[in-house]
């Protein structure tokens, strides 16, 4: 009877370990020590997937950082004027900034695209008319 229970025990232990290793957790931080969380780190399967931060401590998320499995940032989304709406999207390739998309007039639409390689600006595209289409290009 004991031999039959032993394999079941190992199966249950393995299942418990597997479930735990694929679980998600959220770690909060309080950067200004006011007793309220203003940073949230989302971890899944042992990897940081996303971080959210309230930079001006008003209870609203101002920055979101999405990560690749290698721990490098793949996207940064910011609310630079703290109006509750995101207005800057920065895309990364293997941790290197490649595109910076900006809503410079805070109307909810991207109007500047900055293309970057190896830390240098290659080109800036602008939508100066608000129609969502590039009508001005600056090359470097």
N, C-alpha and C. Protein backbone atom coordinates (compact mmCIF):
# COMPACT_ATOMS: atom_id res chain seq x y z
N UNK A 1 0.82 -1.20 0.00
CA UNK A 1 0.00 0.00 0.00
C UNK A 1 0.86 1.26 0.00
N UNK A 2 1.94 1.25 0.72
CA UNK A 2 2.82 2.40 0.80
C UNK A 2 3.44 2.72 -0.56
N UNK A 3 3.81 1.74 -1.35
CA UNK A 3 4.42 1.97 -2.66
C UNK A 3 3.45 2.67 -3.60
N UNK A 4 2.17 2.38 -3.52
CA UNK A 4 1.19 3.02 -4.38
C UNK A 4 0.98 4.49 -4.01
N UNK A 5 1.10 4.85 -2.75
CA UNK A 5 0.90 6.22 -2.31
C UNK A 5 2.10 7.10 -2.65
N UNK A 6 3.28 6.54 -2.66
CA UNK A 6 4.48 7.33 -2.90
C UNK A 6 4.47 8.03 -4.26
N UNK A 7 4.15 7.34 -5.36
CA UNK A 7 4.10 8.06 -6.64
C UNK A 7 3.03 9.17 -6.65
N UNK A 8 1.90 8.94 -6.02
CA UNK A 8 0.87 9.96 -5.94
C UNK A 8 1.38 11.19 -5.19
N UNK A 9 2.13 10.95 -4.13
CA UNK A 9 2.72 12.04 -3.36
C UNK A 9 3.62 12.89 -4.25
N UNK A 10 4.50 12.25 -5.03
CA UNK A 10 5.41 12.98 -5.92
C UNK A 10 4.65 13.74 -7.01
N UNK A 11 3.59 13.16 -7.51
CA UNK A 11 2.78 13.84 -8.52
C UNK A 11 2.15 15.09 -7.92
N UNK A 12 1.60 14.98 -6.71
CA UNK A 12 0.99 16.13 -6.06
C UNK A 12 2.02 17.22 -5.76
N UNK A 13 3.21 16.83 -5.30
CA UNK A 13 4.27 17.81 -5.04
C UNK A 13 4.67 18.50 -6.34
N UNK A 14 4.85 17.72 -7.42
CA UNK A 14 5.23 18.30 -8.70
C UNK A 14 4.16 19.27 -9.19
N UNK A 15 2.90 18.89 -9.06
CA UNK A 15 1.82 19.77 -9.49
C UNK A 15 1.82 21.06 -8.67
N UNK A 16 2.05 20.98 -7.38
CA UNK A 16 2.09 22.17 -6.53
C UNK A 16 3.23 23.08 -6.93
N UNK A 17 4.40 22.52 -7.19
CA UNK A 17 5.56 23.31 -7.61
C UNK A 17 5.29 23.94 -8.97
N UNK A 18 4.69 23.19 -9.88
CA UNK A 18 4.39 23.72 -11.21
C UNK A 18 3.40 24.86 -11.13
N UNK A 19 2.37 24.71 -10.33
CA UNK A 19 1.37 25.76 -10.20
C UNK A 19 2.00 27.01 -9.60
N UNK A 20 2.85 26.84 -8.59
CA UNK A 20 3.50 27.99 -7.97
C UNK A 20 4.44 28.69 -8.93
N UNK A 21 5.14 27.94 -9.75
CA UNK A 21 6.12 28.57 -10.64
C UNK A 21 5.45 29.32 -11.79
N UNK A 22 4.18 29.05 -12.07
CA UNK A 22 3.48 29.75 -13.13
C UNK A 22 2.50 30.78 -12.58
N UNK A 23 2.50 30.98 -11.28
CA UNK A 23 1.57 31.92 -10.69
C UNK A 23 2.05 33.35 -10.89
N UNK A 24 1.14 34.27 -10.68
CA UNK A 24 1.44 35.69 -10.82
C UNK A 24 1.38 36.34 -9.45
N UNK A 25 2.15 37.41 -9.31
CA UNK A 25 2.08 38.17 -8.07
C UNK A 25 2.30 39.64 -8.38
N UNK A 26 1.82 40.47 -7.47
CA UNK A 26 1.98 41.92 -7.59
C UNK A 26 2.70 42.39 -6.33
N UNK A 27 3.77 43.13 -6.53
CA UNK A 27 4.51 43.70 -5.42
C UNK A 27 4.30 45.21 -5.48
N UNK A 28 3.86 45.78 -4.37
CA UNK A 28 3.62 47.23 -4.33
C UNK A 28 4.76 47.92 -3.60
N UNK A 29 4.93 49.20 -3.89
CA UNK A 29 5.93 50.01 -3.19
C UNK A 29 5.31 51.36 -2.85
N UNK A 30 5.83 51.96 -1.80
CA UNK A 30 5.37 53.26 -1.34
C UNK A 30 6.58 54.20 -1.32
N UNK A 31 6.79 54.90 -2.42
CA UNK A 31 8.01 55.70 -2.58
C UNK A 31 8.03 56.96 -1.72
N UNK A 32 6.87 57.51 -1.39
CA UNK A 32 6.85 58.73 -0.59
C UNK A 32 6.43 58.49 0.86
N UNK A 33 6.33 57.22 1.24
CA UNK A 33 6.04 56.81 2.63
C UNK A 33 4.77 57.43 3.20
N UNK A 34 3.73 57.53 2.36
CA UNK A 34 2.45 58.06 2.84
C UNK A 34 1.46 56.95 3.19
N UNK A 35 1.91 55.71 3.11
CA UNK A 35 1.05 54.58 3.45
C UNK A 35 0.20 54.08 2.30
N UNK A 36 0.33 54.71 1.13
CA UNK A 36 -0.44 54.31 -0.05
C UNK A 36 0.53 53.81 -1.12
N UNK A 37 0.17 52.74 -1.83
CA UNK A 37 1.07 52.27 -2.89
C UNK A 37 1.13 53.25 -4.05
N UNK A 38 2.31 53.44 -4.59
CA UNK A 38 2.49 54.27 -5.77
C UNK A 38 3.39 53.61 -6.79
N UNK A 39 3.68 52.34 -6.57
CA UNK A 39 4.42 51.54 -7.53
C UNK A 39 3.92 50.11 -7.47
N UNK A 40 3.75 49.49 -8.64
CA UNK A 40 3.25 48.13 -8.72
C UNK A 40 4.13 47.35 -9.69
N UNK A 41 4.65 46.22 -9.24
CA UNK A 41 5.47 45.36 -10.09
C UNK A 41 4.72 44.04 -10.25
N UNK A 42 4.47 43.67 -11.51
CA UNK A 42 3.73 42.45 -11.83
C UNK A 42 4.73 41.38 -12.27
N UNK A 43 4.71 40.26 -11.54
CA UNK A 43 5.65 39.18 -11.81
C UNK A 43 4.87 37.93 -12.19
N UNK A 44 5.30 37.27 -13.26
CA UNK A 44 4.67 36.04 -13.69
C UNK A 44 5.76 35.04 -14.02
N UNK A 45 5.65 33.86 -13.50
CA UNK A 45 6.62 32.79 -13.72
C UNK A 45 8.04 33.25 -13.38
N UNK A 46 8.17 34.07 -12.35
CA UNK A 46 9.48 34.51 -11.90
C UNK A 46 10.06 35.67 -12.67
N UNK A 47 9.35 36.18 -13.69
CA UNK A 47 9.85 37.30 -14.50
C UNK A 47 8.99 38.53 -14.28
N UNK A 48 9.62 39.68 -14.22
CA UNK A 48 8.88 40.93 -14.16
C UNK A 48 8.27 41.17 -15.54
N UNK A 49 6.95 41.27 -15.59
CA UNK A 49 6.24 41.52 -16.85
C UNK A 49 5.94 42.99 -17.05
N UNK A 50 5.57 43.66 -15.94
CA UNK A 50 5.12 45.04 -16.05
C UNK A 50 5.36 45.76 -14.73
N UNK A 51 5.65 47.05 -14.85
CA UNK A 51 5.70 47.91 -13.68
C UNK A 51 4.85 49.14 -13.97
N UNK A 52 4.14 49.59 -12.95
CA UNK A 52 3.35 50.80 -13.05
C UNK A 52 3.80 51.72 -11.92
N UNK A 53 3.81 53.02 -12.20
CA UNK A 53 4.28 53.96 -11.20
C UNK A 53 3.44 55.25 -11.23
N UNK A 54 3.16 55.76 -10.05
CA UNK A 54 2.46 57.03 -9.88
C UNK A 54 3.52 58.06 -9.50
N UNK A 55 4.02 58.79 -10.47
CA UNK A 55 5.16 59.68 -10.27
C UNK A 55 4.85 60.92 -9.44
N UNK A 56 3.61 61.41 -9.49
CA UNK A 56 3.27 62.62 -8.74
C UNK A 56 2.37 62.33 -7.54
N UNK A 57 2.19 61.04 -7.21
CA UNK A 57 1.50 60.60 -6.00
C UNK A 57 0.05 61.08 -5.90
N UNK A 58 -0.63 61.12 -7.06
CA UNK A 58 -2.03 61.53 -7.06
C UNK A 58 -2.99 60.35 -7.14
N UNK A 59 -2.46 59.13 -7.08
CA UNK A 59 -3.30 57.94 -7.13
C UNK A 59 -3.53 57.40 -8.53
N UNK A 60 -2.97 58.07 -9.55
CA UNK A 60 -3.13 57.64 -10.94
C UNK A 60 -1.77 57.21 -11.49
N UNK A 61 -1.78 56.17 -12.30
CA UNK A 61 -0.55 55.66 -12.92
C UNK A 61 -0.08 56.65 -13.98
N UNK A 62 1.19 57.05 -13.88
CA UNK A 62 1.80 57.98 -14.83
C UNK A 62 2.83 57.30 -15.73
N UNK A 63 3.27 56.13 -15.35
CA UNK A 63 4.27 55.42 -16.14
C UNK A 63 4.03 53.92 -16.10
N UNK A 64 4.10 53.31 -17.27
CA UNK A 64 3.96 51.85 -17.39
C UNK A 64 5.18 51.35 -18.14
N UNK A 65 5.80 50.32 -17.61
CA UNK A 65 6.98 49.72 -18.22
C UNK A 65 6.69 48.25 -18.47
N UNK A 66 6.77 47.84 -19.72
CA UNK A 66 6.56 46.44 -20.10
C UNK A 66 7.91 45.82 -20.39
N UNK A 67 8.11 44.57 -19.94
CA UNK A 67 9.42 43.94 -20.02
C UNK A 67 9.39 42.68 -20.88
N UNK A 68 10.53 42.41 -21.50
CA UNK A 68 10.75 41.14 -22.19
C UNK A 68 11.16 40.10 -21.14
N UNK A 69 11.17 38.82 -21.52
CA UNK A 69 11.57 37.77 -20.59
C UNK A 69 13.01 37.90 -20.13
N UNK A 70 13.85 38.59 -20.91
CA UNK A 70 15.25 38.76 -20.52
C UNK A 70 15.43 39.92 -19.52
N UNK A 71 14.32 40.54 -19.10
CA UNK A 71 14.38 41.60 -18.10
C UNK A 71 14.57 42.99 -18.67
N UNK A 72 14.69 43.11 -19.98
CA UNK A 72 14.89 44.41 -20.60
C UNK A 72 13.54 45.04 -20.94
N UNK A 73 13.48 46.36 -20.83
CA UNK A 73 12.25 47.10 -21.15
C UNK A 73 11.95 46.94 -22.64
N UNK A 74 10.69 46.65 -22.97
CA UNK A 74 10.28 46.61 -24.38
C UNK A 74 9.37 47.78 -24.73
N UNK A 75 8.70 48.35 -23.73
CA UNK A 75 7.86 49.51 -23.98
C UNK A 75 7.71 50.33 -22.71
N UNK A 76 7.73 51.64 -22.88
CA UNK A 76 7.52 52.58 -21.80
C UNK A 76 6.37 53.50 -22.23
N UNK A 77 5.36 53.62 -21.38
CA UNK A 77 4.20 54.44 -21.68
C UNK A 77 4.07 55.47 -20.56
N UNK A 78 4.02 56.75 -20.94
CA UNK A 78 4.06 57.81 -19.93
C UNK A 78 2.92 58.81 -20.07
N UNK A 79 2.54 59.37 -18.94
CA UNK A 79 1.63 60.51 -18.88
C UNK A 79 2.48 61.68 -18.38
N UNK A 80 3.06 62.41 -19.30
CA UNK A 80 4.05 63.43 -18.93
C UNK A 80 3.46 64.69 -18.32
N UNK A 81 2.20 64.99 -18.61
CA UNK A 81 1.60 66.20 -18.05
C UNK A 81 0.63 65.91 -16.90
N UNK A 82 0.55 64.66 -16.48
CA UNK A 82 -0.25 64.23 -15.32
C UNK A 82 -1.73 64.59 -15.44
N UNK A 83 -2.27 64.47 -16.66
CA UNK A 83 -3.70 64.75 -16.86
C UNK A 83 -4.56 63.48 -16.83
N UNK A 84 -3.94 62.34 -16.55
CA UNK A 84 -4.68 61.08 -16.50
C UNK A 84 -4.70 60.33 -17.81
N UNK A 85 -4.10 60.90 -18.87
CA UNK A 85 -4.05 60.24 -20.18
C UNK A 85 -2.60 60.07 -20.62
N UNK A 86 -2.28 58.90 -21.11
CA UNK A 86 -0.93 58.64 -21.59
C UNK A 86 -0.66 59.46 -22.85
N UNK A 87 0.56 59.98 -22.97
CA UNK A 87 0.89 60.84 -24.10
C UNK A 87 2.27 60.58 -24.69
N UNK A 88 2.95 59.54 -24.24
CA UNK A 88 4.27 59.22 -24.77
C UNK A 88 4.46 57.71 -24.74
N UNK A 89 4.81 57.15 -25.90
CA UNK A 89 5.02 55.71 -26.03
C UNK A 89 6.41 55.49 -26.58
N UNK A 90 7.24 54.79 -25.83
CA UNK A 90 8.62 54.56 -26.25
C UNK A 90 8.83 53.07 -26.44
N UNK A 91 9.24 52.67 -27.64
CA UNK A 91 9.44 51.27 -27.98
C UNK A 91 10.94 50.95 -27.99
N UNK A 92 11.26 49.78 -27.46
CA UNK A 92 12.65 49.35 -27.32
C UNK A 92 12.87 48.03 -28.05
N UNK A 93 14.08 47.82 -28.53
CA UNK A 93 14.49 46.56 -29.13
C UNK A 93 15.71 46.08 -28.36
N UNK A 94 15.53 44.99 -27.63
CA UNK A 94 16.61 44.44 -26.80
C UNK A 94 17.16 45.50 -25.84
N UNK A 95 16.27 46.30 -25.28
CA UNK A 95 16.64 47.32 -24.31
C UNK A 95 17.08 48.64 -24.90
N UNK A 96 17.15 48.74 -26.22
CA UNK A 96 17.59 49.97 -26.88
C UNK A 96 16.38 50.73 -27.44
N UNK A 97 16.28 52.01 -27.12
CA UNK A 97 15.18 52.84 -27.60
C UNK A 97 15.26 52.96 -29.12
N UNK A 98 14.14 52.63 -29.81
CA UNK A 98 14.12 52.70 -31.28
C UNK A 98 13.05 53.65 -31.81
N UNK A 99 11.95 53.81 -31.11
CA UNK A 99 10.88 54.73 -31.55
C UNK A 99 10.29 55.42 -30.32
N UNK A 100 10.16 56.73 -30.44
CA UNK A 100 9.54 57.53 -29.39
C UNK A 100 8.33 58.22 -30.04
N UNK A 101 7.13 57.83 -29.61
CA UNK A 101 5.91 58.38 -30.18
C UNK A 101 5.29 59.33 -29.15
N UNK A 102 4.96 60.55 -29.60
CA UNK A 102 4.55 61.60 -28.67
C UNK A 102 3.23 62.24 -29.11
N UNK A 103 2.37 62.45 -28.14
CA UNK A 103 1.18 63.28 -28.33
C UNK A 103 1.52 64.64 -27.73
N UNK A 104 2.13 65.51 -28.53
CA UNK A 104 2.69 66.76 -28.00
C UNK A 104 1.63 67.80 -27.64
N UNK A 105 0.45 67.71 -28.24
CA UNK A 105 -0.60 68.68 -27.91
C UNK A 105 -1.68 68.09 -27.00
N UNK A 106 -1.45 66.87 -26.53
CA UNK A 106 -2.30 66.20 -25.54
C UNK A 106 -3.75 66.06 -25.96
N UNK A 107 -3.97 65.80 -27.26
CA UNK A 107 -5.33 65.62 -27.77
C UNK A 107 -5.71 64.14 -27.91
N UNK A 108 -4.83 63.25 -27.46
CA UNK A 108 -5.12 61.82 -27.53
C UNK A 108 -4.61 61.13 -28.78
N UNK A 109 -3.93 61.91 -29.67
CA UNK A 109 -3.40 61.35 -30.91
C UNK A 109 -1.90 61.63 -31.02
N UNK A 110 -1.17 60.63 -31.45
CA UNK A 110 0.26 60.79 -31.65
C UNK A 110 0.49 61.76 -32.81
N UNK A 111 1.40 62.73 -32.59
CA UNK A 111 1.70 63.68 -33.66
C UNK A 111 3.19 63.84 -33.93
N UNK A 112 4.02 63.15 -33.17
CA UNK A 112 5.46 63.14 -33.42
C UNK A 112 5.97 61.71 -33.27
N UNK A 113 6.76 61.28 -34.26
CA UNK A 113 7.41 59.98 -34.24
C UNK A 113 8.90 60.22 -34.37
N UNK A 114 9.66 59.77 -33.39
CA UNK A 114 11.11 59.95 -33.42
C UNK A 114 11.74 58.57 -33.58
N UNK A 115 12.51 58.39 -34.64
CA UNK A 115 13.16 57.11 -34.94
C UNK A 115 14.62 57.18 -34.53
N UNK A 116 15.05 56.21 -33.74
CA UNK A 116 16.37 56.25 -33.13
C UNK A 116 17.10 54.93 -33.39
N UNK A 117 18.39 55.01 -33.65
CA UNK A 117 19.24 53.82 -33.78
C UNK A 117 20.56 54.11 -33.09
N UNK A 118 20.97 53.17 -32.29
CA UNK A 118 22.25 53.27 -31.57
C UNK A 118 22.37 54.60 -30.82
N UNK A 119 21.28 55.03 -30.23
CA UNK A 119 21.28 56.23 -29.42
C UNK A 119 21.24 57.54 -30.19
N UNK A 120 21.12 57.48 -31.51
CA UNK A 120 21.10 58.69 -32.33
C UNK A 120 19.77 58.81 -33.06
N UNK A 121 19.28 60.03 -33.15
CA UNK A 121 18.04 60.28 -33.87
C UNK A 121 18.30 60.16 -35.37
N UNK A 122 17.51 59.32 -36.03
CA UNK A 122 17.61 59.17 -37.48
C UNK A 122 16.67 60.12 -38.20
N UNK A 123 15.44 60.19 -37.66
CA UNK A 123 14.40 60.94 -38.36
C UNK A 123 13.30 61.31 -37.37
N UNK A 124 12.69 62.45 -37.62
CA UNK A 124 11.51 62.85 -36.85
C UNK A 124 10.39 63.11 -37.84
N UNK A 125 9.27 62.43 -37.65
CA UNK A 125 8.08 62.65 -38.46
C UNK A 125 7.08 63.43 -37.62
N UNK A 126 6.42 64.42 -38.23
CA UNK A 126 5.45 65.23 -37.51
C UNK A 126 4.14 65.30 -38.27
N UNK A 127 3.06 65.31 -37.53
CA UNK A 127 1.73 65.59 -38.06
C UNK A 127 1.36 66.96 -37.53
N UNK A 128 1.53 67.97 -38.36
CA UNK A 128 1.27 69.35 -37.92
C UNK A 128 -0.18 69.79 -38.13
N UNK A 129 -0.96 68.97 -38.88
CA UNK A 129 -2.34 69.35 -39.18
C UNK A 129 -3.37 68.61 -38.33
N UNK A 130 -2.93 67.58 -37.59
CA UNK A 130 -3.85 66.84 -36.73
C UNK A 130 -4.69 65.80 -37.44
N UNK A 131 -4.30 65.42 -38.67
CA UNK A 131 -5.08 64.42 -39.41
C UNK A 131 -4.54 63.00 -39.24
N UNK A 132 -3.50 62.83 -38.42
CA UNK A 132 -2.94 61.50 -38.18
C UNK A 132 -1.93 61.06 -39.20
N UNK A 133 -1.60 61.95 -40.15
CA UNK A 133 -0.65 61.61 -41.20
C UNK A 133 0.58 62.51 -41.10
N UNK A 134 1.73 61.94 -41.37
CA UNK A 134 2.97 62.71 -41.36
C UNK A 134 2.96 63.73 -42.51
N UNK A 135 3.24 64.99 -42.17
CA UNK A 135 3.34 66.01 -43.21
C UNK A 135 4.65 66.81 -43.10
N UNK A 136 5.47 66.46 -42.14
CA UNK A 136 6.78 67.08 -42.03
C UNK A 136 7.78 66.03 -41.57
N UNK A 137 8.91 65.94 -42.27
CA UNK A 137 9.95 64.97 -41.93
C UNK A 137 11.26 65.71 -41.79
N UNK A 138 11.94 65.42 -40.69
CA UNK A 138 13.27 65.98 -40.46
C UNK A 138 14.23 64.79 -40.39
N UNK A 139 15.21 64.76 -41.26
CA UNK A 139 16.19 63.68 -41.26
C UNK A 139 17.52 64.18 -40.75
N UNK A 140 18.24 63.30 -40.08
CA UNK A 140 19.54 63.64 -39.49
C UNK A 140 20.64 62.84 -40.15
